Protein backbone atom coordinates (compact mmCIF):
# COMPACT_ATOMS: atom_id res chain seq x y z
CA UNK A 1 0.20 0.00 0.28
CA UNK A 2 2.93 2.50 0.80
CA UNK A 3 4.49 1.71 -3.00
CA UNK A 4 1.57 2.71 -4.29
CA UNK A 5 1.09 5.74 -2.25
CA UNK A 6 4.62 6.83 -2.87
CA UNK A 7 4.36 5.59 -6.85
CA UNK A 8 1.03 8.18 -7.21
CA UNK A 9 2.63 10.81 -5.17
CA UNK A 10 6.04 10.33 -7.35
CA UNK A 11 3.57 10.70 -11.17
CA UNK A 12 1.74 13.07 -9.71
CA UNK A 13 4.91 15.29 -8.88
CA UNK A 14 5.90 14.29 -12.00
CA UNK A 15 3.26 15.86 -14.13
CA UNK A 16 2.94 18.23 -12.02
CA UNK A 17 6.15 20.16 -12.44
CA UNK A 18 6.16 18.69 -16.10
CA UNK A 19 3.29 20.90 -16.49
CA UNK A 20 5.47 24.34 -15.53
CA UNK A 21 5.82 24.27 -19.92
CA UNK A 22 4.47 28.26 -20.08
CA UNK A 23 7.28 30.82 -20.32
CA UNK A 24 5.93 34.18 -18.77
CA UNK A 25 6.94 36.21 -21.87
CA UNK A 26 8.42 34.32 -25.43
CA UNK A 27 9.07 36.54 -28.30
CA UNK A 28 9.71 35.27 -32.13
CA UNK A 29 9.10 34.75 -35.34
CA UNK A 30 6.38 32.37 -36.86
CA UNK A 31 6.61 31.26 -40.51
CA UNK A 32 2.83 29.74 -42.23
CA UNK A 33 1.95 27.93 -45.02
CA UNK A 34 -1.34 27.51 -46.38
CA UNK A 35 -4.10 29.46 -46.49
CA UNK A 36 -2.20 31.95 -44.37
CA UNK A 37 1.12 31.91 -46.10
CA UNK A 38 3.48 34.05 -44.51
CA UNK A 39 5.90 35.39 -41.94
CA UNK A 40 4.33 36.79 -38.65
CA UNK A 41 5.59 38.32 -35.48
CA UNK A 42 4.71 35.96 -32.29
CA UNK A 43 4.49 37.11 -28.54
CA UNK A 44 3.22 35.00 -26.26
CA UNK A 45 2.40 36.39 -22.46
CA UNK A 46 1.90 33.69 -19.83
CA UNK A 47 -0.51 34.02 -17.02
CA UNK A 48 -0.39 30.61 -14.74
CA UNK A 49 1.37 27.68 -15.56
CA UNK A 50 -0.14 25.96 -18.37
CA UNK A 51 -2.58 29.33 -19.93
CA UNK A 52 -1.13 31.88 -22.48
CA UNK A 53 -2.11 34.46 -24.79
CA UNK A 54 0.01 34.14 -28.09
CA UNK A 55 -0.30 37.87 -30.48
CA UNK A 56 0.79 37.13 -33.85
CA UNK A 57 1.09 39.94 -36.20
CA UNK A 58 2.35 39.12 -39.83
CA UNK A 59 2.10 40.18 -43.41
CA UNK A 60 2.86 37.93 -46.59
CA UNK A 61 2.65 38.99 -50.63
CA UNK A 62 1.12 36.75 -52.92
CA UNK A 63 1.46 38.36 -56.77
CA UNK A 64 -0.75 40.86 -57.12
CA UNK A 65 -2.05 40.49 -53.02
CA UNK A 66 -0.57 42.15 -49.84
CA UNK A 67 -1.80 40.14 -46.37
CA UNK A 68 -1.25 41.88 -42.98
CA UNK A 69 -2.87 39.99 -40.53
CA UNK A 70 -3.49 39.53 -36.62
CA UNK A 71 -4.44 36.98 -34.31
CA UNK A 72 -4.87 36.30 -31.23
CA UNK A 73 -5.05 32.70 -29.75
CA UNK A 74 -5.74 31.43 -25.76
CA UNK A 75 -3.94 28.48 -24.84
CA UNK A 76 -3.46 25.62 -22.89
CA UNK A 77 0.20 24.05 -22.61
CA UNK A 78 0.57 20.06 -21.24
CA UNK A 79 3.22 18.40 -20.96
CA UNK A 80 4.06 15.32 -23.40
CA UNK A 81 7.93 13.77 -21.59
CA UNK A 82 10.76 15.68 -20.76
CA UNK A 83 11.14 18.88 -23.11
CA UNK A 84 7.80 18.01 -25.64
CA UNK A 85 4.80 19.10 -24.80
CA UNK A 86 2.07 20.06 -26.39
CA UNK A 87 -0.73 23.11 -26.64
CA UNK A 88 -4.66 23.88 -28.45
CA UNK A 89 -6.57 26.95 -27.70
CA UNK A 90 -8.84 29.60 -29.37
CA UNK A 91 -9.17 33.58 -30.20
CA UNK A 92 -9.38 35.07 -33.81
CA UNK A 93 -8.55 36.21 -36.83
CA UNK A 94 -8.42 39.40 -38.69
CA UNK A 95 -7.07 40.11 -41.51
CA UNK A 96 -6.85 43.01 -44.74
CA UNK A 97 -5.97 41.95 -47.99
CA UNK A 98 -5.23 44.43 -50.74
CA UNK A 99 -5.70 43.14 -54.21
CA UNK A 100 -3.19 45.41 -56.50
CA UNK A 101 -3.58 43.11 -59.68
CA UNK A 102 -4.55 45.52 -62.81
CA UNK A 103 -7.82 43.38 -63.15
CA UNK A 104 -8.60 43.98 -59.66
CA UNK A 105 -7.26 46.97 -57.32
CA UNK A 106 -9.97 46.19 -53.87
CA UNK A 107 -8.83 45.34 -49.57
CA UNK A 108 -10.79 43.33 -48.21
CA UNK A 109 -11.21 42.42 -44.50
CA UNK A 110 -11.47 38.73 -43.06
CA UNK A 111 -12.41 38.10 -39.50
CA UNK A 112 -14.28 35.29 -38.12
CA UNK A 113 -12.76 32.63 -34.33
CA UNK A 114 -9.54 30.68 -35.03
CA UNK A 115 -8.25 27.17 -33.26
CA UNK A 116 -4.36 26.05 -32.96
CA UNK A 117 -3.04 23.13 -31.67
CA UNK A 118 0.76 21.92 -32.27
CA UNK A 119 3.03 21.26 -30.26
CA UNK A 120 6.46 22.31 -28.89
CA UNK A 121 9.97 21.55 -28.17
CA UNK A 122 12.42 23.51 -25.32
CA UNK A 123 15.79 23.84 -25.28
CA UNK A 124 17.65 23.87 -22.37
CA UNK A 125 18.70 27.38 -23.43
CA UNK A 126 15.20 29.93 -23.90
CA UNK A 127 14.98 29.50 -27.09
CA UNK A 128 11.10 27.21 -27.75
CA UNK A 129 10.23 26.06 -31.43
CA UNK A 130 6.75 24.73 -32.47
CA UNK A 131 4.59 22.92 -34.90
CA UNK A 132 1.54 24.15 -35.58
CA UNK A 133 -2.13 23.66 -37.30
CA UNK A 134 -4.71 26.69 -38.16
CA UNK A 135 -8.26 26.42 -39.13
CA UNK A 136 -10.15 30.33 -39.60
CA UNK A 137 -13.39 30.22 -40.08
CA UNK A 138 -13.66 33.45 -42.02
CA UNK A 139 -17.42 35.15 -41.06
CA UNK A 140 -16.60 38.54 -42.98
CA UNK A 141 -16.69 38.79 -46.03
CA UNK A 142 -17.72 35.33 -46.58
CA UNK A 143 -18.39 31.96 -45.34
CA UNK A 144 -14.86 30.10 -45.76
CA UNK A 145 -12.53 27.92 -43.68
CA UNK A 146 -9.02 28.00 -44.24
CA UNK A 147 -5.84 26.04 -43.05
CA UNK A 148 -2.39 27.72 -41.94
CA UNK A 149 0.69 24.90 -41.22
CA UNK A 150 3.78 27.16 -38.58
CA UNK A 151 6.46 26.88 -37.81
CA UNK A 152 8.27 28.51 -34.77
CA UNK A 153 11.35 29.85 -33.33
CA UNK A 154 9.96 31.47 -30.03
CA UNK A 155 13.47 33.20 -27.66
CA UNK A 156 11.80 33.06 -23.77
CA UNK A 157 12.45 35.57 -21.36
CA UNK A 158 10.89 36.70 -17.34
CA UNK A 159 12.18 33.33 -15.61
């Protein structure tokens, strides 16, 4: 009985300690491909040991189109093993697209809810790498489901 209690206490302690996945602050870049392709400046603000807010501000350029994107996602982080973790959450995306082609010179606002889920690797130094997927359900200007895949590198500070 005592061995079982110690074993349960040990694993509970390990998982509770491993839950401290969230840094107070992290700043870096997130490169995306898919419906929202481009480069984003990514800032994370930790609220507690598992909850954080991620704000991404980015831009993307394709033939005849320029895009400015703002994304805000509340996330929960969970440990997998040692330096690996996964995260998931939801929020919203707002984007502005400028069409500068010879046949279409217009500006469009995009707005909708978003989700994000991914994997995170934490180095011994304050560097964090992430790989994520971010579906967005645009409500404005039309109902449309879009996806993006992102790779992020952030410097964590404020320990």
